PDB file of N, CA and C in Angstrom:
ATOM      1  N   UNK A   1       0.941 -50.419 -15.099  1.00  0.00           N
ATOM      2  CA  UNK A   1       1.986 -49.582 -14.595  1.00  0.00           C
ATOM      3  C   UNK A   1       1.717 -48.171 -14.617  1.00  0.00           C
ATOM      4  N   UNK A   2       2.805 -47.302 -14.667  1.00  0.00           N
ATOM      5  CA  UNK A   2       2.593 -45.974 -14.588  1.00  0.00           C
ATOM      6  C   UNK A   2       1.850 -45.370 -15.828  1.00  0.00           C
ATOM      7  N   UNK A   3       2.205 -45.952 -16.973  1.00  0.00           N
ATOM      8  CA  UNK A   3       1.626 -45.554 -18.278  1.00  0.00           C
ATOM      9  C   UNK A   3       0.188 -45.673 -18.166  1.00  0.00           C
ATOM     10  N   UNK A   4      -0.257 -46.822 -17.642  1.00  0.00           N
ATOM     11  CA  UNK A   4      -1.679 -47.096 -17.631  1.00  0.00           C
ATOM     12  C   UNK A   4      -2.328 -46.146 -16.703  1.00  0.00           C
ATOM     13  N   UNK A   5      -1.721 -45.764 -15.586  1.00  0.00           N
ATOM     14  CA  UNK A   5      -2.308 -44.866 -14.611  1.00  0.00           C
ATOM     15  C   UNK A   5      -2.445 -43.470 -15.417  1.00  0.00           C
ATOM     16  N   UNK A   6      -1.475 -43.085 -16.075  1.00  0.00           N
ATOM     17  CA  UNK A   6      -1.579 -41.782 -16.770  1.00  0.00           C
ATOM     18  C   UNK A   6      -2.684 -41.797 -17.722  1.00  0.00           C
ATOM     19  N   UNK A   7      -2.763 -42.874 -18.503  1.00  0.00           N
ATOM     20  CA  UNK A   7      -3.772 -43.016 -19.474  1.00  0.00           C
ATOM     21  C   UNK A   7      -5.183 -42.876 -18.856  1.00  0.00           C
ATOM     22  N   UNK A   8      -5.322 -43.463 -17.775  1.00  0.00           N
ATOM     23  CA  UNK A   8      -6.666 -43.431 -17.108  1.00  0.00           C
ATOM     24  C   UNK A   8      -7.009 -41.986 -16.661  1.00  0.00           C
ATOM     25  N   UNK A   9      -5.924 -41.298 -16.138  1.00  0.00           N
ATOM     26  CA  UNK A   9      -6.084 -39.886 -15.825  1.00  0.00           C
ATOM     27  C   UNK A   9      -6.522 -39.023 -16.978  1.00  0.00           C
ATOM     28  N   UNK A  10      -5.922 -39.291 -18.040  1.00  0.00           N
ATOM     29  CA  UNK A  10      -6.271 -38.524 -19.310  1.00  0.00           C
ATOM     30  C   UNK A  10      -7.665 -38.747 -19.682  1.00  0.00           C
ATOM     31  N   UNK A  11      -8.083 -40.072 -19.622  1.00  0.00           N
ATOM     32  CA  UNK A  11      -9.369 -40.447 -19.997  1.00  0.00           C
ATOM     33  C   UNK A  11     -10.413 -39.736 -19.226  1.00  0.00           C
ATOM     34  N   UNK A  12     -10.243 -39.727 -17.830  1.00  0.00           N
ATOM     35  CA  UNK A  12     -11.270 -38.991 -16.988  1.00  0.00           C
ATOM     36  C   UNK A  12     -11.225 -37.530 -17.228  1.00  0.00           C
ATOM     37  N   UNK A  13      -9.993 -36.958 -17.565  1.00  0.00           N
ATOM     38  CA  UNK A  13      -9.998 -35.495 -17.800  1.00  0.00           C
ATOM     39  C   UNK A  13     -10.693 -35.144 -19.065  1.00  0.00           C
ATOM     40  N   UNK A  14     -10.547 -36.037 -20.079  1.00  0.00           N
ATOM     41  CA  UNK A  14     -11.283 -35.963 -21.289  1.00  0.00           C
ATOM     42  C   UNK A  14     -12.769 -36.027 -21.124  1.00  0.00           C
ATOM     43  N   UNK A  15     -13.234 -36.921 -20.299  1.00  0.00           N
ATOM     44  CA  UNK A  15     -14.678 -37.159 -19.956  1.00  0.00           C
ATOM     45  C   UNK A  15     -15.255 -35.912 -19.274  1.00  0.00           C
ATOM     46  N   UNK A  16     -14.419 -35.342 -18.311  1.00  0.00           N
ATOM     47  CA  UNK A  16     -14.835 -34.138 -17.583  1.00  0.00           C
ATOM     48  C   UNK A  16     -14.944 -33.007 -18.588  1.00  0.00           C
ATOM     49  N   UNK A  17     -13.987 -32.789 -19.421  1.00  0.00           N
ATOM     50  CA  UNK A  17     -14.007 -31.717 -20.457  1.00  0.00           C
ATOM     51  C   UNK A  17     -15.216 -31.922 -21.423  1.00  0.00           C
ATOM     52  N   UNK A  18     -15.506 -33.146 -21.798  1.00  0.00           N
ATOM     53  CA  UNK A  18     -16.636 -33.317 -22.743  1.00  0.00           C
ATOM     54  C   UNK A  18     -17.896 -32.997 -21.979  1.00  0.00           C
ATOM     55  N   UNK A  19     -18.019 -33.410 -20.778  1.00  0.00           N
ATOM     56  CA  UNK A  19     -19.302 -33.067 -19.949  1.00  0.00           C
ATOM     57  C   UNK A  19     -19.374 -31.637 -19.893  1.00  0.00           C
ATOM     58  N   UNK A  20     -18.282 -30.938 -19.563  1.00  0.00           N
ATOM     59  CA  UNK A  20     -18.321 -29.524 -19.384  1.00  0.00           C
ATOM     60  C   UNK A  20     -18.774 -28.852 -20.602  1.00  0.00           C
ATOM     61  N   UNK A  21     -18.181 -29.225 -21.680  1.00  0.00           N
ATOM     62  CA  UNK A  21     -18.433 -28.618 -23.079  1.00  0.00           C
ATOM     63  C   UNK A  21     -19.906 -28.855 -23.333  1.00  0.00           C
ATOM     64  N   UNK A  22     -20.524 -30.007 -23.089  1.00  0.00           N
ATOM     65  CA  UNK A  22     -21.957 -30.269 -23.439  1.00  0.00           C
ATOM     66  C   UNK A  22     -22.768 -29.383 -22.477  1.00  0.00           C
ATOM     67  N   UNK A  23     -22.489 -29.335 -21.235  1.00  0.00           N
ATOM     68  CA  UNK A  23     -23.215 -28.466 -20.306  1.00  0.00           C
ATOM     69  C   UNK A  23     -23.157 -27.092 -20.737  1.00  0.00           C
ATOM     70  N   UNK A  24     -21.957 -26.639 -21.051  1.00  0.00           N
ATOM     71  CA  UNK A  24     -21.793 -25.173 -21.356  1.00  0.00           C
ATOM     72  C   UNK A  24     -22.538 -24.870 -22.601  1.00  0.00           C
ATOM     73  N   UNK A  25     -22.531 -25.656 -23.672  1.00  0.00           N
ATOM     74  CA  UNK A  25     -23.260 -25.477 -24.830  1.00  0.00           C
ATOM     75  C   UNK A  25     -24.795 -25.431 -24.687  1.00  0.00           C
ATOM     76  N   UNK A  26     -25.217 -26.360 -23.710  1.00  0.00           N
ATOM     77  CA  UNK A  26     -26.576 -26.360 -23.423  1.00  0.00           C
ATOM     78  C   UNK A  26     -26.985 -25.051 -22.693  1.00  0.00           C
ATOM     79  N   UNK A  27     -26.117 -24.589 -21.769  1.00  0.00           N
ATOM     80  CA  UNK A  27     -26.369 -23.327 -21.053  1.00  0.00           C
ATOM     81  C   UNK A  27     -26.386 -22.161 -21.974  1.00  0.00           C
ATOM     82  N   UNK A  28     -25.513 -22.095 -22.893  1.00  0.00           N
ATOM     83  CA  UNK A  28     -25.478 -20.880 -23.945  1.00  0.00           C
ATOM     84  C   UNK A  28     -26.859 -21.070 -24.736  1.00  0.00           C
ATOM     85  N   UNK A  29     -27.253 -22.227 -25.127  1.00  0.00           N
ATOM     86  CA  UNK A  29     -28.544 -22.213 -25.920  1.00  0.00           C
ATOM     87  C   UNK A  29     -29.723 -21.780 -25.169  1.00  0.00           C
ATOM     88  N   UNK A  30     -29.791 -22.100 -23.855  1.00  0.00           N
ATOM     89  CA  UNK A  30     -30.902 -21.779 -23.016  1.00  0.00           C
ATOM     90  C   UNK A  30     -30.770 -20.188 -22.748  1.00  0.00           C
ATOM     91  N   UNK A  31     -29.557 -19.685 -22.533  1.00  0.00           N
ATOM     92  CA  UNK A  31     -29.383 -18.247 -22.316  1.00  0.00           C
ATOM     93  C   UNK A  31     -29.688 -17.571 -23.504  1.00  0.00           C
ATOM     94  N   UNK A  32     -29.353 -18.025 -24.711  1.00  0.00           N
ATOM     95  CA  UNK A  32     -29.698 -17.289 -26.046  1.00  0.00           C
ATOM     96  C   UNK A  32     -31.186 -17.354 -26.144  1.00  0.00           C
ATOM     97  N   UNK A  33     -31.792 -18.501 -25.880  1.00  0.00           N
ATOM     98  CA  UNK A  33     -33.245 -18.626 -26.062  1.00  0.00           C
ATOM     99  C   UNK A  33     -34.009 -17.712 -25.231  1.00  0.00           C
ATOM    100  N   UNK A  34     -33.528 -17.516 -23.897  1.00  0.00           N
ATOM    101  CA  UNK A  34     -34.268 -16.649 -23.046  1.00  0.00           C
ATOM    102  C   UNK A  34     -34.016 -15.075 -23.531  1.00  0.00           C
ATOM    103  N   UNK A  35     -32.825 -14.868 -23.967  1.00  0.00           N
ATOM    104  CA  UNK A  35     -32.512 -13.503 -24.562  1.00  0.00           C
ATOM    105  C   UNK A  35     -33.383 -13.094 -25.673  1.00  0.00           C
ATOM    106  N   UNK A  36     -33.619 -14.092 -26.563  1.00  0.00           N
ATOM    107  CA  UNK A  36     -34.363 -13.775 -27.862  1.00  0.00           C
ATOM    108  C   UNK A  36     -35.762 -14.072 -27.849  1.00  0.00           C
ATOM    109  N   UNK A  37     -36.293 -14.510 -26.548  1.00  0.00           N
ATOM    110  CA  UNK A  37     -37.707 -14.767 -26.344  1.00  0.00           C
ATOM    111  C   UNK A  37     -38.545 -13.439 -26.509  1.00  0.00           C
TER     112      UNK A  37
END
């Protein structure tokens, strides 16, 4: 039903956010590494 659809949307949003967080952290690490090199 509608609730299930909403839950699925939230799950994909969380997945995107997690992915973004991981990528962003990795990017910051690389940037920091380059700066301090």
